[in-house]
Amino acid sequence: MNPWLVLLMLAVLAALYVVTPVVAAAWSHYRRYRRLRCPVEGVEARVRVDAGRAAIGEAFGRPALEVERCSLWPKRWLCQQACMV
């Protein structure tokens, strides 16, 4: 059997049994709304993170937390998302 084929099969199995469950669990975790204190306004806001981007980032290193929705928008639409740091 060709060793490159074996390596390809191992990579596919690793993606199937390791990466996929990590992405699914992270997506499930990040898809919920969070209540955070806005550092600019000083009030509590409901924030939703881009779950897909965060889950893929979680699987390959560090999650890229980017605000998808915020209860303070549209008033603070172009904020720097300092609440996610």
PDB file of N, CA and C in Angstrom:
ATOM      1  N   MET A   1       0.833  -1.174   0.000  1.00  0.00           N
ATOM      2  CA  MET A   1       0.000   0.000   0.000  1.00  0.00           C
ATOM      3  C   MET A   1       0.889   1.253   0.000  1.00  0.00           C
ATOM      4  N   ASN A   2       0.480   2.236  -0.725  1.00  0.00           N
ATOM      5  CA  ASN A   2       1.224   3.482  -0.863  1.00  0.00           C
ATOM      6  C   ASN A   2       1.242   4.233   0.487  1.00  0.00           C
ATOM      7  N   PRO A   3       2.434   4.638   0.983  1.00  0.00           N
ATOM      8  CA  PRO A   3       2.491   5.334   2.277  1.00  0.00           C
ATOM      9  C   PRO A   3       1.795   6.701   2.251  1.00  0.00           C
ATOM     10  N   TRP A   4       1.757   7.353   1.111  1.00  0.00           N
ATOM     11  CA  TRP A   4       1.068   8.645   1.016  1.00  0.00           C
ATOM     12  C   TRP A   4      -0.446   8.484   1.163  1.00  0.00           C
ATOM     13  N   LEU A   5      -0.945   7.388   0.666  1.00  0.00           N
ATOM     14  CA  LEU A   5      -2.360   7.101   0.815  1.00  0.00           C
ATOM     15  C   LEU A   5      -2.716   6.837   2.284  1.00  0.00           C
ATOM     16  N   VAL A   6      -1.828   6.138   2.974  1.00  0.00           N
ATOM     17  CA  VAL A   6      -2.040   5.866   4.399  1.00  0.00           C
ATOM     18  C   VAL A   6      -2.016   7.183   5.191  1.00  0.00           C
ATOM     19  N   LEU A   7      -1.068   8.067   4.882  1.00  0.00           N
ATOM     20  CA  LEU A   7      -1.001   9.363   5.558  1.00  0.00           C
ATOM     21  C   LEU A   7      -2.245  10.208   5.271  1.00  0.00           C
ATOM     22  N   LEU A   8      -2.727  10.163   4.057  1.00  0.00           N
ATOM     23  CA  LEU A   8      -3.943  10.884   3.705  1.00  0.00           C
ATOM     24  C   LEU A   8      -5.133  10.343   4.487  1.00  0.00           C
ATOM     25  N   MET A   9      -5.237   9.036   4.590  1.00  0.00           N
ATOM     26  CA  MET A   9      -6.335   8.430   5.340  1.00  0.00           C
ATOM     27  C   MET A   9      -6.249   8.793   6.825  1.00  0.00           C
ATOM     28  N   LEU A  10      -5.045   8.832   7.389  1.00  0.00           N
ATOM     29  CA  LEU A  10      -4.879   9.229   8.781  1.00  0.00           C
ATOM     30  C   LEU A  10      -5.283  10.684   8.999  1.00  0.00           C
ATOM     31  N   ALA A  11      -4.951  11.541   8.060  1.00  0.00           N
ATOM     32  CA  ALA A  11      -5.333  12.948   8.171  1.00  0.00           C
ATOM     33  C   ALA A  11      -6.845  13.116   8.097  1.00  0.00           C
ATOM     34  N   VAL A  12      -7.484  12.382   7.225  1.00  0.00           N
ATOM     35  CA  VAL A  12      -8.944  12.446   7.114  1.00  0.00           C
ATOM     36  C   VAL A  12      -9.602  11.927   8.394  1.00  0.00           C
ATOM     37  N   LEU A  13      -9.111  10.839   8.931  1.00  0.00           N
ATOM     38  CA  LEU A  13      -9.662  10.299  10.177  1.00  0.00           C
ATOM     39  C   LEU A  13      -9.437  11.256  11.345  1.00  0.00           C
ATOM     40  N   ALA A  14      -8.269  11.897  11.385  1.00  0.00           N
ATOM     41  CA  ALA A  14      -8.004  12.871  12.445  1.00  0.00           C
ATOM     42  C   ALA A  14      -8.974  14.040  12.351  1.00  0.00           C
ATOM     43  N   ALA A  15      -9.221  14.502  11.143  1.00  0.00           N
ATOM     44  CA  ALA A  15     -10.170  15.606  10.966  1.00  0.00           C
ATOM     45  C   ALA A  15     -11.575  15.175  11.360  1.00  0.00           C
ATOM     46  N   LEU A  16     -11.922  13.968  11.036  1.00  0.00           N
ATOM     47  CA  LEU A  16     -13.264  13.476  11.324  1.00  0.00           C
ATOM     48  C   LEU A  16     -13.494  13.252  12.813  1.00  0.00           C
ATOM     49  N   TYR A  17     -12.541  12.650  13.496  1.00  0.00           N
ATOM     50  CA  TYR A  17     -12.747  12.258  14.884  1.00  0.00           C
ATOM     51  C   TYR A  17     -12.158  13.213  15.920  1.00  0.00           C
ATOM     52  N   VAL A  18     -11.349  14.167  15.510  1.00  0.00           N
ATOM     53  CA  VAL A  18     -10.751  15.097  16.468  1.00  0.00           C
ATOM     54  C   VAL A  18     -11.221  16.526  16.219  1.00  0.00           C
ATOM     55  N   VAL A  19     -11.012  17.026  15.029  1.00  0.00           N
ATOM     56  CA  VAL A  19     -11.310  18.427  14.730  1.00  0.00           C
ATOM     57  C   VAL A  19     -12.813  18.674  14.701  1.00  0.00           C
ATOM     58  N   THR A  20     -13.572  17.808  14.091  1.00  0.00           N
ATOM     59  CA  THR A  20     -15.013  18.016  13.962  1.00  0.00           C
ATOM     60  C   THR A  20     -15.729  18.106  15.316  1.00  0.00           C
ATOM     61  N   PRO A  21     -15.469  17.219  16.274  1.00  0.00           N
ATOM     62  CA  PRO A  21     -16.129  17.379  17.578  1.00  0.00           C
ATOM     63  C   PRO A  21     -15.706  18.652  18.320  1.00  0.00           C
ATOM     64  N   VAL A  22     -14.449  19.060  18.170  1.00  0.00           N
ATOM     65  CA  VAL A  22     -13.993  20.298  18.815  1.00  0.00           C
ATOM     66  C   VAL A  22     -14.720  21.497  18.220  1.00  0.00           C
ATOM     67  N   VAL A  23     -14.842  21.538  16.904  1.00  0.00           N
ATOM     68  CA  VAL A  23     -15.548  22.640  16.242  1.00  0.00           C
ATOM     69  C   VAL A  23     -17.020  22.637  16.644  1.00  0.00           C
ATOM     70  N   ALA A  24     -17.646  21.479  16.694  1.00  0.00           N
ATOM     71  CA  ALA A  24     -19.065  21.402  17.063  1.00  0.00           C
ATOM     72  C   ALA A  24     -19.291  21.856  18.503  1.00  0.00           C
ATOM     73  N   ALA A  25     -18.438  21.454  19.426  1.00  0.00           N
ATOM     74  CA  ALA A  25     -18.585  21.866  20.825  1.00  0.00           C
ATOM     75  C   ALA A  25     -18.334  23.358  20.984  1.00  0.00           C
ATOM     76  N   ALA A  26     -17.341  23.880  20.307  1.00  0.00           N
ATOM     77  CA  ALA A  26     -17.048  25.311  20.391  1.00  0.00           C
ATOM     78  C   ALA A  26     -18.173  26.128  19.766  1.00  0.00           C
ATOM     79  N   TRP A  27     -18.717  25.678  18.651  1.00  0.00           N
ATOM     80  CA  TRP A  27     -19.830  26.391  18.014  1.00  0.00           C
ATOM     81  C   TRP A  27     -21.034  26.428  18.941  1.00  0.00           C
ATOM     82  N   SER A  28     -21.306  25.313  19.592  1.00  0.00           N
ATOM     83  CA  SER A  28     -22.418  25.254  20.534  1.00  0.00           C
ATOM     84  C   SER A  28     -22.191  26.209  21.709  1.00  0.00           C
ATOM     85  N   HIS A  29     -20.965  26.332  22.161  1.00  0.00           N
ATOM     86  CA  HIS A  29     -20.635  27.216  23.277  1.00  0.00           C
ATOM     87  C   HIS A  29     -20.764  28.690  22.889  1.00  0.00           C
ATOM     88  N   TYR A  30     -20.293  29.067  21.718  1.00  0.00           N
ATOM     89  CA  TYR A  30     -20.244  30.470  21.325  1.00  0.00           C
ATOM     90  C   TYR A  30     -21.526  30.994  20.683  1.00  0.00           C
ATOM     91  N   ARG A  31     -22.490  30.169  20.376  1.00  0.00           N
ATOM     92  CA  ARG A  31     -23.686  30.654  19.685  1.00  0.00           C
ATOM     93  C   ARG A  31     -24.697  31.313  20.618  1.00  0.00           C
ATOM     94  N   ARG A  32     -24.491  31.212  21.919  1.00  0.00           N
ATOM     95  CA  ARG A  32     -25.397  31.820  22.890  1.00  0.00           C
ATOM     96  C   ARG A  32     -25.057  33.296  23.114  1.00  0.00           C
ATOM     97  N   TYR A  33     -26.067  34.048  23.527  1.00  0.00           N
ATOM     98  CA  TYR A  33     -25.846  35.450  23.886  1.00  0.00           C
ATOM     99  C   TYR A  33     -25.104  35.527  25.213  1.00  0.00           C
ATOM    100  N   ARG A  34     -24.298  36.559  25.361  1.00  0.00           N
ATOM    101  CA  ARG A  34     -23.566  36.829  26.589  1.00  0.00           C
ATOM    102  C   ARG A  34     -23.984  38.193  27.121  1.00  0.00           C
ATOM    103  N   ARG A  35     -23.941  38.340  28.408  1.00  0.00           N
ATOM    104  CA  ARG A  35     -24.181  39.651  29.022  1.00  0.00           C
ATOM    105  C   ARG A  35     -22.824  40.177  29.475  1.00  0.00           C
ATOM    106  N   LEU A  36     -22.415  41.285  28.868  1.00  0.00           N
ATOM    107  CA  LEU A  36     -21.127  41.893  29.173  1.00  0.00           C
ATOM    108  C   LEU A  36     -21.317  43.355  29.526  1.00  0.00           C
ATOM    109  N   ARG A  37     -20.387  43.887  30.266  1.00  0.00           N
ATOM    110  CA  ARG A  37     -20.401  45.305  30.582  1.00  0.00           C
ATOM    111  C   ARG A  37     -19.624  46.027  29.487  1.00  0.00           C
ATOM    112  N   CYS A  38     -20.295  46.976  28.850  1.00  0.00           N
ATOM    113  CA  CYS A  38     -19.660  47.752  27.785  1.00  0.00           C
ATOM    114  C   CYS A  38     -18.650  48.702  28.425  1.00  0.00           C
ATOM    115  N   PRO A  39     -17.378  48.659  28.002  1.00  0.00           N
ATOM    116  CA  PRO A  39     -16.374  49.530  28.607  1.00  0.00           C
ATOM    117  C   PRO A  39     -16.561  51.005  28.243  1.00  0.00           C
ATOM    118  N   VAL A  40     -17.258  51.285  27.170  1.00  0.00           N
ATOM    119  CA  VAL A  40     -17.454  52.667  26.737  1.00  0.00           C
ATOM    120  C   VAL A  40     -18.694  53.263  27.380  1.00  0.00           C
ATOM    121  N   GLU A  41     -19.820  52.558  27.278  1.00  0.00           N
ATOM    122  CA  GLU A  41     -21.084  53.057  27.803  1.00  0.00           C
ATOM    123  C   GLU A  41     -21.215  52.852  29.303  1.00  0.00           C
ATOM    124  N   GLY A  42     -20.572  51.817  29.829  1.00  0.00           N
ATOM    125  CA  GLY A  42     -20.668  51.520  31.253  1.00  0.00           C
ATOM    126  C   GLY A  42     -21.941  50.817  31.656  1.00  0.00           C
ATOM    127  N   VAL A  43     -22.692  50.305  30.701  1.00  0.00           N
ATOM    128  CA  VAL A  43     -23.926  49.585  30.982  1.00  0.00           C
ATOM    129  C   VAL A  43     -23.789  48.139  30.503  1.00  0.00           C
ATOM    130  N   GLU A  44     -24.715  47.300  30.943  1.00  0.00           N
ATOM    131  CA  GLU A  44     -24.693  45.904  30.533  1.00  0.00           C
ATOM    132  C   GLU A  44     -25.311  45.763  29.148  1.00  0.00           C
ATOM    133  N   ALA A  45     -24.697  44.933  28.312  1.00  0.00           N
ATOM    134  CA  ALA A  45     -25.183  44.729  26.951  1.00  0.00           C
ATOM    135  C   ALA A  45     -25.268  43.234  26.665  1.00  0.00           C
ATOM    136  N   ARG A  46     -26.212  42.868  25.806  1.00  0.00           N
ATOM    137  CA  ARG A  46     -26.299  41.487  25.314  1.00  0.00           C
ATOM    138  C   ARG A  46     -25.485  41.405  24.045  1.00  0.00           C
ATOM    139  N   VAL A  47     -24.513  40.511  24.037  1.00  0.00           N
ATOM    140  CA  VAL A  47     -23.587  40.402  22.908  1.00  0.00           C
ATOM    141  C   VAL A  47     -23.632  38.979  22.379  1.00  0.00           C
ATOM    142  N   ARG A  48     -23.664  38.873  21.056  1.00  0.00           N
ATOM    143  CA  ARG A  48     -23.589  37.557  20.408  1.00  0.00           C
ATOM    144  C   ARG A  48     -22.326  37.525  19.556  1.00  0.00           C
ATOM    145  N   VAL A  49     -21.542  36.470  19.743  1.00  0.00           N
ATOM    146  CA  VAL A  49     -20.275  36.297  19.035  1.00  0.00           C
ATOM    147  C   VAL A  49     -20.527  35.551  17.732  1.00  0.00           C
ATOM    148  N   ASP A  50     -19.712  35.830  16.718  1.00  0.00           N
ATOM    149  CA  ASP A  50     -19.768  35.078  15.461  1.00  0.00           C
ATOM    150  C   ASP A  50     -19.297  33.651  15.761  1.00  0.00           C
ATOM    151  N   ALA A  51     -20.250  32.740  15.930  1.00  0.00           N
ATOM    152  CA  ALA A  51     -19.961  31.386  16.416  1.00  0.00           C
ATOM    153  C   ALA A  51     -19.118  30.569  15.441  1.00  0.00           C
ATOM    154  N   GLY A  52     -19.377  30.684  14.161  1.00  0.00           N
ATOM    155  CA  GLY A  52     -18.609  29.906  13.188  1.00  0.00           C
ATOM    156  C   GLY A  52     -17.142  30.279  13.176  1.00  0.00           C
ATOM    157  N   ARG A  53     -16.876  31.560  13.159  1.00  0.00           N
ATOM    158  CA  ARG A  53     -15.489  32.038  13.143  1.00  0.00           C
ATOM    159  C   ARG A  53     -14.777  31.673  14.446  1.00  0.00           C
ATOM    160  N   ALA A  54     -15.471  31.817  15.569  1.00  0.00           N
ATOM    161  CA  ALA A  54     -14.877  31.480  16.859  1.00  0.00           C
ATOM    162  C   ALA A  54     -14.604  29.983  16.982  1.00  0.00           C
ATOM    163  N   ALA A  55     -15.493  29.161  16.471  1.00  0.00           N
ATOM    164  CA  ALA A  55     -15.322  27.704  16.562  1.00  0.00           C
ATOM    165  C   ALA A  55     -14.155  27.225  15.716  1.00  0.00           C
ATOM    166  N   ILE A  56     -14.014  27.747  14.526  1.00  0.00           N
ATOM    167  CA  ILE A  56     -12.884  27.349  13.675  1.00  0.00           C
ATOM    168  C   ILE A  56     -11.570  27.828  14.281  1.00  0.00           C
ATOM    169  N   GLY A  57     -11.584  29.035  14.824  1.00  0.00           N
ATOM    170  CA  GLY A  57     -10.385  29.528  15.498  1.00  0.00           C
ATOM    171  C   GLY A  57     -10.029  28.693  16.714  1.00  0.00           C
ATOM    172  N   GLU A  58     -11.034  28.248  17.458  1.00  0.00           N
ATOM    173  CA  GLU A  58     -10.814  27.404  18.630  1.00  0.00           C
ATOM    174  C   GLU A  58     -10.172  26.080  18.235  1.00  0.00           C
ATOM    175  N   ALA A  59     -10.582  25.523  17.120  1.00  0.00           N
ATOM    176  CA  ALA A  59     -10.046  24.232  16.679  1.00  0.00           C
ATOM    177  C   ALA A  59      -8.594  24.342  16.231  1.00  0.00           C
ATOM    178  N   PHE A  60      -8.194  25.495  15.720  1.00  0.00           N
ATOM    179  CA  PHE A  60      -6.851  25.641  15.180  1.00  0.00           C
ATOM    180  C   PHE A  60      -5.996  26.628  15.957  1.00  0.00           C
ATOM    181  N   GLY A  61      -6.294  26.817  17.230  1.00  0.00           N
ATOM    182  CA  GLY A  61      -5.472  27.729  18.023  1.00  0.00           C
ATOM    183  C   GLY A  61      -6.303  28.555  18.964  1.00  0.00           C
ATOM    184  N   ARG A  62      -6.386  29.843  18.676  1.00  0.00           N
ATOM    185  CA  ARG A  62      -7.093  30.775  19.546  1.00  0.00           C
ATOM    186  C   ARG A  62      -8.353  31.274  18.847  1.00  0.00           C
ATOM    187  N   PRO A  63      -9.493  31.290  19.565  1.00  0.00           N
ATOM    188  CA  PRO A  63     -10.726  31.736  18.923  1.00  0.00           C
ATOM    189  C   PRO A  63     -10.687  33.220  18.569  1.00  0.00           C
ATOM    190  N   ALA A  64     -11.196  33.533  17.415  1.00  0.00           N
ATOM    191  CA  ALA A  64     -11.294  34.916  16.967  1.00  0.00           C
ATOM    192  C   ALA A  64     -12.668  35.424  17.372  1.00  0.00           C
ATOM    193  N   LEU A  65     -12.741  36.084  18.519  1.00  0.00           N
ATOM    194  CA  LEU A  65     -14.021  36.552  19.036  1.00  0.00           C
ATOM    195  C   LEU A  65     -14.385  37.881  18.397  1.00  0.00           C
ATOM    196  N   GLU A  66     -15.420  37.853  17.593  1.00  0.00           N
ATOM    197  CA  GLU A  66     -15.895  39.040  16.897  1.00  0.00           C
ATOM    198  C   GLU A  66     -17.386  39.179  17.167  1.00  0.00           C
ATOM    199  N   VAL A  67     -17.794  40.376  17.563  1.00  0.00           N
ATOM    200  CA  VAL A  67     -19.198  40.608  17.898  1.00  0.00           C
ATOM    201  C   VAL A  67     -20.042  40.558  16.628  1.00  0.00           C
ATOM    202  N   GLU A  68     -21.077  39.735  16.672  1.00  0.00           N
ATOM    203  CA  GLU A  68     -22.006  39.635  15.551  1.00  0.00           C
ATOM    204  C   GLU A  68     -23.225  40.514  15.784  1.00  0.00           C
ATOM    205  N   ARG A  69     -23.697  40.543  17.033  1.00  0.00           N
ATOM    206  CA  ARG A  69     -24.845  41.379  17.416  1.00  0.00           C
ATOM    207  C   ARG A  69     -24.606  41.930  18.813  1.00  0.00           C
ATOM    208  N   CYS A  70     -25.108  43.123  19.025  1.00  0.00           N
ATOM    209  CA  CYS A  70     -24.995  43.759  20.332  1.00  0.00           C
ATOM    210  C   CYS A  70     -26.272  44.546  20.577  1.00  0.00           C
ATOM    211  N   SER A  71     -26.745  44.526  21.826  1.00  0.00           N
ATOM    212  CA  SER A  71     -27.984  45.233  22.136  1.00  0.00           C
ATOM    213  C   SER A  71     -27.813  46.748  22.093  1.00  0.00           C
ATOM    214  N   LEU A  72     -26.593  47.244  22.086  1.00  0.00           N
ATOM    215  CA  LEU A  72     -26.354  48.686  22.026  1.00  0.00           C
ATOM    216  C   LEU A  72     -26.277  49.211  20.590  1.00  0.00           C
ATOM    217  N   TRP A  73     -26.313  48.328  19.616  1.00  0.00           N
ATOM    218  CA  TRP A  73     -26.322  48.774  18.214  1.00  0.00           C
ATOM    219  C   TRP A  73     -27.728  49.223  17.878  1.00  0.00           C
ATOM    220  N   PRO A  74     -27.992  50.117  17.015  1.00  0.00           N
ATOM    221  CA  PRO A  74     -27.107  50.810  16.081  1.00  0.00           C
ATOM    222  C   PRO A  74     -26.429  52.042  16.671  1.00  0.00           C
ATOM    223  N   LYS A  75     -26.737  52.387  17.921  1.00  0.00           N
ATOM    224  CA  LYS A  75     -26.129  53.575  18.516  1.00  0.00           C
ATOM    225  C   LYS A  75     -24.602  53.481  18.502  1.00  0.00           C
ATOM    226  N   ARG A  76     -24.034  52.315  18.838  1.00  0.00           N
ATOM    227  CA  ARG A  76     -22.586  52.126  18.885  1.00  0.00           C
ATOM    228  C   ARG A  76     -22.151  51.137  17.805  1.00  0.00           C
ATOM    229  N   TRP A  77     -22.621  51.296  16.603  1.00  0.00           N
ATOM    230  CA  TRP A  77     -22.388  50.327  15.524  1.00  0.00           C
ATOM    231  C   TRP A  77     -20.907  50.115  15.224  1.00  0.00           C
ATOM    232  N   LEU A  78     -20.123  51.161  15.175  1.00  0.00           N
ATOM    233  CA  LEU A  78     -18.717  51.026  14.793  1.00  0.00           C
ATOM    234  C   LEU A  78     -17.788  51.013  16.009  1.00  0.00           C
ATOM    235  N   CYS A  79     -18.221  50.434  17.098  1.00  0.00           N
ATOM    236  CA  CYS A  79     -17.344  50.368  18.272  1.00  0.00           C
ATOM    237  C   CYS A  79     -16.172  49.420  17.984  1.00  0.00           C
ATOM    238  N   GLN A  80     -15.152  49.527  18.785  1.00  0.00           N
ATOM    239  CA  GLN A  80     -13.942  48.711  18.582  1.00  0.00           C
ATOM    240  C   GLN A  80     -14.032  47.343  19.243  1.00  0.00           C
ATOM    241  N   GLN A  81     -15.175  46.977  19.757  1.00  0.00           N
ATOM    242  CA  GLN A  81     -15.431  45.679  20.366  1.00  0.00           C
ATOM    243  C   GLN A  81     -14.479  45.401  21.516  1.00  0.00           C
ATOM    244  N   ALA A  82     -14.204  46.417  22.315  1.00  0.00           N
ATOM    245  CA  ALA A  82     -13.295  46.279  23.445  1.00  0.00           C
ATOM    246  C   ALA A  82     -13.866  45.361  24.511  1.00  0.00           C
ATOM    247  N   CYS A  83     -15.160  45.114  24.499  1.00  0.00           N
ATOM    248  CA  CYS A  83     -15.777  44.239  25.495  1.00  0.00           C
ATOM    249  C   CYS A  83     -15.344  42.789  25.310  1.00  0.00           C
ATOM    250  N   MET A  84     -14.861  42.418  24.155  1.00  0.00           N
ATOM    251  CA  MET A  84     -14.483  41.033  23.876  1.00  0.00           C
ATOM    252  C   MET A  84     -13.048  40.737  24.265  1.00  0.00           C
ATOM    253  N   VAL A  85     -12.295  41.731  24.662  1.00  0.00           N
ATOM    254  CA  VAL A  85     -10.882  41.523  25.000  1.00  0.00           C
ATOM    255  C   VAL A  85     -10.741  40.976  26.384  1.00  0.00           C
TER     256      VAL A  85
END
